[in-house]
Amino acid sequence: QGWFAAVVAEVDVWSPSWDDMTSALGVNAS
């Protein structure tokens, strides 16, 4: 969350998968 807050304001196109995001954020959901 801190990493995204530091970097993503400079990102125009962001294209991860659901698995990428949930594994990074510790989210357990379908």
ModelCIF file with pLDDT and N, C-alpha, C, O atoms, coordinates in Angstrom:
data_MODEL
#
_entry.id   MODEL 
#
_entity.id                         1 
_entity.type                       polymer 
_entity.pdbx_number_of_molecules   1 
#
_entity_poly.entity_id                      1 
_entity_poly.type                           'polypeptide(L)' 
_entity_poly.nstd_linkage                   no 
_entity_poly.nstd_monomer                   no 
_entity_poly.pdbx_seq_one_letter_code       QGWFAAVVAEVDVWSPSWDDMTSALGVNAS 
_entity_poly.pdbx_seq_one_letter_code_can   QGWFAAVVAEVDVWSPSWDDMTSALGVNAS 
_entity_poly.pdbx_strand_id                 A 
#
loop_
_entity_poly_seq.entity_id 
_entity_poly_seq.num 
_entity_poly_seq.mon_id 
_entity_poly_seq.hetero 
1 1  GLN n 
1 2  GLY n 
1 3  TRP n 
1 4  PHE n 
1 5  ALA n 
1 6  ALA n 
1 7  VAL n 
1 8  VAL n 
1 9  ALA n 
1 10 GLU n 
1 11 VAL n 
1 12 ASP n 
1 13 VAL n 
1 14 TRP n 
1 15 SER n 
1 16 PRO n 
1 17 SER n 
1 18 TRP n 
1 19 ASP n 
1 20 ASP n 
1 21 MET n 
1 22 THR n 
1 23 SER n 
1 24 ALA n 
1 25 LEU n 
1 26 GLY n 
1 27 VAL n 
1 28 ASN n 
1 29 ALA n 
1 30 SER n 
#
_struct_asym.id          A 
_struct_asym.entity_id   1 
#
loop_
_ma_qa_metric.id 
_ma_qa_metric.mode 
_ma_qa_metric.name 
_ma_qa_metric.software_group_id 
_ma_qa_metric.type 
1 global pLDDT . pLDDT 
2 local  pLDDT . pLDDT 
#
_ma_qa_metric_global.metric_id      1 
_ma_qa_metric_global.metric_value   96.60 
_ma_qa_metric_global.model_id       1 
_ma_qa_metric_global.ordinal_id     1 
#
loop_
_ma_qa_metric_local.label_asym_id 
_ma_qa_metric_local.label_comp_id 
_ma_qa_metric_local.label_seq_id 
_ma_qa_metric_local.metric_id 
_ma_qa_metric_local.metric_value 
_ma_qa_metric_local.model_id 
_ma_qa_metric_local.ordinal_id 
A GLN 1  2 97.00 1 1  
A GLY 2  2 97.00 1 2  
A TRP 3  2 98.00 1 3  
A PHE 4  2 98.00 1 4  
A ALA 5  2 97.00 1 5  
A ALA 6  2 97.00 1 6  
A VAL 7  2 98.00 1 7  
A VAL 8  2 98.00 1 8  
A ALA 9  2 97.00 1 9  
A GLU 10 2 98.00 1 10 
A VAL 11 2 98.00 1 11 
A ASP 12 2 98.00 1 12 
A VAL 13 2 98.00 1 13 
A TRP 14 2 98.00 1 14 
A SER 15 2 97.00 1 15 
A PRO 16 2 97.00 1 16 
A SER 17 2 96.00 1 17 
A TRP 18 2 97.00 1 18 
A ASP 19 2 96.00 1 19 
A ASP 20 2 96.00 1 20 
A MET 21 2 98.00 1 21 
A THR 22 2 97.00 1 22 
A SER 23 2 97.00 1 23 
A ALA 24 2 97.00 1 24 
A LEU 25 2 97.00 1 25 
A GLY 26 2 95.00 1 26 
A VAL 27 2 93.00 1 27 
A ASN 28 2 92.00 1 28 
A ALA 29 2 93.00 1 29 
A SER 30 2 93.00 1 30 
#
loop_
_atom_site.group_PDB 
_atom_site.id 
_atom_site.type_symbol 
_atom_site.label_atom_id 
_atom_site.label_alt_id 
_atom_site.label_comp_id 
_atom_site.label_asym_id 
_atom_site.label_entity_id 
_atom_site.label_seq_id 
_atom_site.pdbx_PDB_ins_code 
_atom_site.Cartn_x 
_atom_site.Cartn_y 
_atom_site.Cartn_z 
_atom_site.occupancy 
_atom_site.B_iso_or_equiv 
_atom_site.pdbx_formal_charge 
_atom_site.auth_seq_id 
_atom_site.auth_comp_id 
_atom_site.auth_asym_id 
_atom_site.auth_atom_id 
_atom_site.pdbx_PDB_model_num 
ATOM 1   N N  . GLN A 1 1  ? 0.842   -1.203  0.000   1.00 97.00 ? 1  GLN A N  1 
ATOM 2   C CA . GLN A 1 1  ? 0.000   0.000   0.000   1.00 97.00 ? 1  GLN A CA 1 
ATOM 3   C C  . GLN A 1 1  ? 0.874   1.249   0.000   1.00 97.00 ? 1  GLN A C  1 
ATOM 4   O O  . GLN A 1 1  ? 0.603   2.205   -0.728  1.00 97.00 ? 1  GLN A O  1 
ATOM 5   N N  . GLY A 1 2  ? 1.922   1.238   0.818   1.00 97.00 ? 2  GLY A N  1 
ATOM 6   C CA . GLY A 1 2  ? 2.848   2.369   0.824   1.00 97.00 ? 2  GLY A CA 1 
ATOM 7   C C  . GLY A 1 2  ? 3.612   2.485   -0.477  1.00 97.00 ? 2  GLY A C  1 
ATOM 8   O O  . GLY A 1 2  ? 3.875   3.588   -0.957  1.00 97.00 ? 2  GLY A O  1 
ATOM 9   N N  . TRP A 1 3  ? 3.970   1.336   -1.051  1.00 98.00 ? 3  TRP A N  1 
ATOM 10  C CA . TRP A 1 3  ? 4.701   1.319   -2.323  1.00 98.00 ? 3  TRP A CA 1 
ATOM 11  C C  . TRP A 1 3  ? 3.837   1.923   -3.427  1.00 98.00 ? 3  TRP A C  1 
ATOM 12  O O  . TRP A 1 3  ? 4.304   2.758   -4.202  1.00 98.00 ? 3  TRP A O  1 
ATOM 13  N N  . PHE A 1 4  ? 2.579   1.498   -3.494  1.00 98.00 ? 4  PHE A N  1 
ATOM 14  C CA . PHE A 1 4  ? 1.677   2.045   -4.506  1.00 98.00 ? 4  PHE A CA 1 
ATOM 15  C C  . PHE A 1 4  ? 1.465   3.542   -4.300  1.00 98.00 ? 4  PHE A C  1 
ATOM 16  O O  . PHE A 1 4  ? 1.431   4.308   -5.263  1.00 98.00 ? 4  PHE A O  1 
ATOM 17  N N  . ALA A 1 5  ? 1.326   3.952   -3.052  1.00 97.00 ? 5  ALA A N  1 
ATOM 18  C CA . ALA A 1 5  ? 1.144   5.383   -2.766  1.00 97.00 ? 5  ALA A CA 1 
ATOM 19  C C  . ALA A 1 5  ? 2.339   6.189   -3.242  1.00 97.00 ? 5  ALA A C  1 
ATOM 20  O O  . ALA A 1 5  ? 2.186   7.338   -3.657  1.00 97.00 ? 5  ALA A O  1 
ATOM 21  N N  . ALA A 1 6  ? 3.541   5.593   -3.187  1.00 97.00 ? 6  ALA A N  1 
ATOM 22  C CA . ALA A 1 6  ? 4.755   6.305   -3.593  1.00 97.00 ? 6  ALA A CA 1 
ATOM 23  C C  . ALA A 1 6  ? 4.929   6.362   -5.099  1.00 97.00 ? 6  ALA A C  1 
ATOM 24  O O  . ALA A 1 6  ? 5.502   7.324   -5.611  1.00 97.00 ? 6  ALA A O  1 
ATOM 25  N N  . VAL A 1 7  ? 4.446   5.346   -5.830  1.00 98.00 ? 7  VAL A N  1 
ATOM 26  C CA . VAL A 1 7  ? 4.781   5.203   -7.253  1.00 98.00 ? 7  VAL A CA 1 
ATOM 27  C C  . VAL A 1 7  ? 3.622   5.513   -8.192  1.00 98.00 ? 7  VAL A C  1 
ATOM 28  O O  . VAL A 1 7  ? 3.827   6.138   -9.233  1.00 98.00 ? 7  VAL A O  1 
ATOM 29  N N  . VAL A 1 8  ? 2.417   5.090   -7.846  1.00 98.00 ? 8  VAL A N  1 
ATOM 30  C CA . VAL A 1 8  ? 1.349   4.997   -8.839  1.00 98.00 ? 8  VAL A CA 1 
ATOM 31  C C  . VAL A 1 8  ? 0.827   6.349   -9.308  1.00 98.00 ? 8  VAL A C  1 
ATOM 32  O O  . VAL A 1 8  ? 0.225   6.428   -10.379 1.00 98.00 ? 8  VAL A O  1 
ATOM 33  N N  . ALA A 1 9  ? 1.037   7.400   -8.548  1.00 97.00 ? 9  ALA A N  1 
ATOM 34  C CA . ALA A 1 9  ? 0.632   8.727   -9.036  1.00 97.00 ? 9  ALA A CA 1 
ATOM 35  C C  . ALA A 1 9  ? 1.365   9.091   -10.327 1.00 97.00 ? 9  ALA A C  1 
ATOM 36  O O  . ALA A 1 9  ? 0.904   9.946   -11.083 1.00 97.00 ? 9  ALA A O  1 
ATOM 37  N N  . GLU A 1 10 ? 2.512   8.441   -10.580 1.00 98.00 ? 10 GLU A N  1 
ATOM 38  C CA . GLU A 1 10 ? 3.274   8.682   -11.812 1.00 98.00 ? 10 GLU A CA 1 
ATOM 39  C C  . GLU A 1 10 ? 2.993   7.629   -12.882 1.00 98.00 ? 10 GLU A C  1 
ATOM 40  O O  . GLU A 1 10 ? 3.655   7.612   -13.920 1.00 98.00 ? 10 GLU A O  1 
ATOM 41  N N  . VAL A 1 11 ? 2.009   6.742   -12.637 1.00 98.00 ? 11 VAL A N  1 
ATOM 42  C CA . VAL A 1 11 ? 1.694   5.656   -13.574 1.00 98.00 ? 11 VAL A CA 1 
ATOM 43  C C  . VAL A 1 11 ? 0.439   6.011   -14.362 1.00 98.00 ? 11 VAL A C  1 
ATOM 44  O O  . VAL A 1 11 ? -0.605  6.299   -13.777 1.00 98.00 ? 11 VAL A O  1 
ATOM 45  N N  . ASP A 1 12 ? 0.538   5.991   -15.673 1.00 98.00 ? 12 ASP A N  1 
ATOM 46  C CA . ASP A 1 12 ? -0.616  6.300   -16.522 1.00 98.00 ? 12 ASP A CA 1 
ATOM 47  C C  . ASP A 1 12 ? -1.456  5.063   -16.828 1.00 98.00 ? 12 ASP A C  1 
ATOM 48  O O  . ASP A 1 12 ? -2.683  5.121   -16.762 1.00 98.00 ? 12 ASP A O  1 
ATOM 49  N N  . VAL A 1 13 ? -0.814  3.956   -17.157 1.00 98.00 ? 13 VAL A N  1 
ATOM 50  C CA . VAL A 1 13 ? -1.514  2.703   -17.491 1.00 98.00 ? 13 VAL A CA 1 
ATOM 51  C C  . VAL A 1 13 ? -1.012  1.624   -16.541 1.00 98.00 ? 13 VAL A C  1 
ATOM 52  O O  . VAL A 1 13 ? 0.189   1.369   -16.460 1.00 98.00 ? 13 VAL A O  1 
ATOM 53  N N  . TRP A 1 14 ? -1.946  0.985   -15.816 1.00 98.00 ? 14 TRP A N  1 
ATOM 54  C CA . TRP A 1 14 ? -1.582  -0.014  -14.809 1.00 98.00 ? 14 TRP A CA 1 
ATOM 55  C C  . TRP A 1 14 ? -2.341  -1.284  -15.135 1.00 98.00 ? 14 TRP A C  1 
ATOM 56  O O  . TRP A 1 14 ? -3.572  -1.280  -15.162 1.00 98.00 ? 14 TRP A O  1 
ATOM 57  N N  . SER A 1 15 ? -1.609  -2.399  -15.391 1.00 97.00 ? 15 SER A N  1 
ATOM 58  C CA . SER A 1 15 ? -2.274  -3.583  -15.959 1.00 97.00 ? 15 SER A CA 1 
ATOM 59  C C  . SER A 1 15 ? -1.923  -4.885  -15.233 1.00 97.00 ? 15 SER A C  1 
ATOM 60  O O  . SER A 1 15 ? -1.418  -5.811  -15.869 1.00 97.00 ? 15 SER A O  1 
ATOM 61  N N  . PRO A 1 16 ? -2.169  -4.986  -13.943 1.00 97.00 ? 16 PRO A N  1 
ATOM 62  C CA . PRO A 1 16 ? -1.893  -6.236  -13.230 1.00 97.00 ? 16 PRO A CA 1 
ATOM 63  C C  . PRO A 1 16 ? -3.058  -7.221  -13.354 1.00 97.00 ? 16 PRO A C  1 
ATOM 64  O O  . PRO A 1 16 ? -4.093  -6.914  -13.944 1.00 97.00 ? 16 PRO A O  1 
ATOM 65  N N  . SER A 1 17 ? -2.862  -8.398  -12.788 1.00 96.00 ? 17 SER A N  1 
ATOM 66  C CA . SER A 1 17 ? -3.952  -9.354  -12.667 1.00 96.00 ? 17 SER A CA 1 
ATOM 67  C C  . SER A 1 17 ? -4.566  -9.253  -11.273 1.00 96.00 ? 17 SER A C  1 
ATOM 68  O O  . SER A 1 17 ? -3.991  -8.653  -10.364 1.00 96.00 ? 17 SER A O  1 
ATOM 69  N N  . TRP A 1 18 ? -5.732  -9.848  -11.127 1.00 97.00 ? 18 TRP A N  1 
ATOM 70  C CA . TRP A 1 18 ? -6.375  -9.928  -9.809  1.00 97.00 ? 18 TRP A CA 1 
ATOM 71  C C  . TRP A 1 18 ? -5.452  -10.629 -8.813  1.00 97.00 ? 18 TRP A C  1 
ATOM 72  O O  . TRP A 1 18 ? -5.320  -10.187 -7.672  1.00 97.00 ? 18 TRP A O  1 
ATOM 73  N N  . ASP A 1 19 ? -4.817  -11.713 -9.238  1.00 96.00 ? 19 ASP A N  1 
ATOM 74  C CA . ASP A 1 19 ? -3.907  -12.440 -8.358  1.00 96.00 ? 19 ASP A CA 1 
ATOM 75  C C  . ASP A 1 19 ? -2.722  -11.573 -7.941  1.00 96.00 ? 19 ASP A C  1 
ATOM 76  O O  . ASP A 1 19 ? -2.303  -11.613 -6.784  1.00 96.00 ? 19 ASP A O  1 
ATOM 77  N N  . ASP A 1 20 ? -2.180  -10.787 -8.875  1.00 96.00 ? 20 ASP A N  1 
ATOM 78  C CA . ASP A 1 20 ? -1.081  -9.886  -8.530  1.00 96.00 ? 20 ASP A CA 1 
ATOM 79  C C  . ASP A 1 20 ? -1.486  -8.945  -7.398  1.00 96.00 ? 20 ASP A C  1 
ATOM 80  O O  . ASP A 1 20 ? -0.767  -8.792  -6.412  1.00 96.00 ? 20 ASP A O  1 
ATOM 81  N N  . MET A 1 21 ? -2.646  -8.321  -7.559  1.00 98.00 ? 21 MET A N  1 
ATOM 82  C CA . MET A 1 21 ? -3.080  -7.323  -6.587  1.00 98.00 ? 21 MET A CA 1 
ATOM 83  C C  . MET A 1 21 ? -3.452  -7.947  -5.245  1.00 98.00 ? 21 MET A C  1 
ATOM 84  O O  . MET A 1 21 ? -3.081  -7.422  -4.194  1.00 98.00 ? 21 MET A O  1 
ATOM 85  N N  . THR A 1 22 ? -4.176  -9.054  -5.273  1.00 97.00 ? 22 THR A N  1 
ATOM 86  C CA . THR A 1 22 ? -4.604  -9.655  -4.010  1.00 97.00 ? 22 THR A CA 1 
ATOM 87  C C  . THR A 1 22 ? -3.416  -10.246 -3.250  1.00 97.00 ? 22 THR A C  1 
ATOM 88  O O  . THR A 1 22 ? -3.388  -10.189 -2.021  1.00 97.00 ? 22 THR A O  1 
ATOM 89  N N  . SER A 1 23 ? -2.435  -10.811 -3.960  1.00 97.00 ? 23 SER A N  1 
ATOM 90  C CA . SER A 1 23 ? -1.262  -11.341 -3.277  1.00 97.00 ? 23 SER A CA 1 
ATOM 91  C C  . SER A 1 23 ? -0.424  -10.214 -2.674  1.00 97.00 ? 23 SER A C  1 
ATOM 92  O O  . SER A 1 23 ? 0.193   -10.400 -1.625  1.00 97.00 ? 23 SER A O  1 
ATOM 93  N N  . ALA A 1 24 ? -0.394  -9.059  -3.318  1.00 97.00 ? 24 ALA A N  1 
ATOM 94  C CA . ALA A 1 24 ? 0.344   -7.916  -2.778  1.00 97.00 ? 24 ALA A CA 1 
ATOM 95  C C  . ALA A 1 24 ? -0.354  -7.314  -1.556  1.00 97.00 ? 24 ALA A C  1 
ATOM 96  O O  . ALA A 1 24 ? 0.298   -6.944  -0.580  1.00 97.00 ? 24 ALA A O  1 
ATOM 97  N N  . LEU A 1 25 ? -1.673  -7.220  -1.620  1.00 97.00 ? 25 LEU A N  1 
ATOM 98  C CA . LEU A 1 25 ? -2.427  -6.521  -0.576  1.00 97.00 ? 25 LEU A CA 1 
ATOM 99  C C  . LEU A 1 25 ? -2.952  -7.455  0.517   1.00 97.00 ? 25 LEU A C  1 
ATOM 100 O O  . LEU A 1 25 ? -3.556  -6.999  1.487   1.00 97.00 ? 25 LEU A O  1 
ATOM 101 N N  . GLY A 1 26 ? -2.720  -8.765  0.356   1.00 95.00 ? 26 GLY A N  1 
ATOM 102 C CA . GLY A 1 26 ? -3.202  -9.698  1.363   1.00 95.00 ? 26 GLY A CA 1 
ATOM 103 C C  . GLY A 1 26 ? -4.706  -9.849  1.369   1.00 95.00 ? 26 GLY A C  1 
ATOM 104 O O  . GLY A 1 26 ? -5.305  -10.072 2.421   1.00 95.00 ? 26 GLY A O  1 
ATOM 105 N N  . VAL A 1 27 ? -5.322  -9.731  0.210   1.00 93.00 ? 27 VAL A N  1 
ATOM 106 C CA . VAL A 1 27 ? -6.777  -9.855  0.081   1.00 93.00 ? 27 VAL A CA 1 
ATOM 107 C C  . VAL A 1 27 ? -7.122  -11.291 -0.281  1.00 93.00 ? 27 VAL A C  1 
ATOM 108 O O  . VAL A 1 27 ? -6.512  -11.868 -1.181  1.00 93.00 ? 27 VAL A O  1 
ATOM 109 N N  . ASN A 1 28 ? -8.087  -11.869 0.408   1.00 92.00 ? 28 ASN A N  1 
ATOM 110 C CA . ASN A 1 28 ? -8.541  -13.229 0.111   1.00 92.00 ? 28 ASN A CA 1 
ATOM 111 C C  . ASN A 1 28 ? -9.977  -13.154 -0.383  1.00 92.00 ? 28 ASN A C  1 
ATOM 112 O O  . ASN A 1 28 ? -10.914 -13.183 0.415   1.00 92.00 ? 28 ASN A O  1 
ATOM 113 N N  . ALA A 1 29 ? -10.152 -13.058 -1.694  1.00 93.00 ? 29 ALA A N  1 
ATOM 114 C CA . ALA A 1 29 ? -11.487 -12.901 -2.278  1.00 93.00 ? 29 ALA A CA 1 
ATOM 115 C C  . ALA A 1 29 ? -11.468 -13.392 -3.709  1.00 93.00 ? 29 ALA A C  1 
ATOM 116 O O  . ALA A 1 29 ? -10.420 -13.411 -4.355  1.00 93.00 ? 29 ALA A O  1 
ATOM 117 N N  . SER A 1 30 ? -12.622 -13.786 -4.201  1.00 93.00 ? 30 SER A N  1 
ATOM 118 C CA . SER A 1 30 ? -12.765 -14.221 -5.584  1.00 93.00 ? 30 SER A CA 1 
ATOM 119 C C  . SER A 1 30 ? -12.969 -13.011 -6.495  1.00 93.00 ? 30 SER A C  1 
ATOM 120 O O  . SER A 1 30 ? -13.110 -13.169 -7.708  1.00 93.00 ? 30 SER A O  1 
#
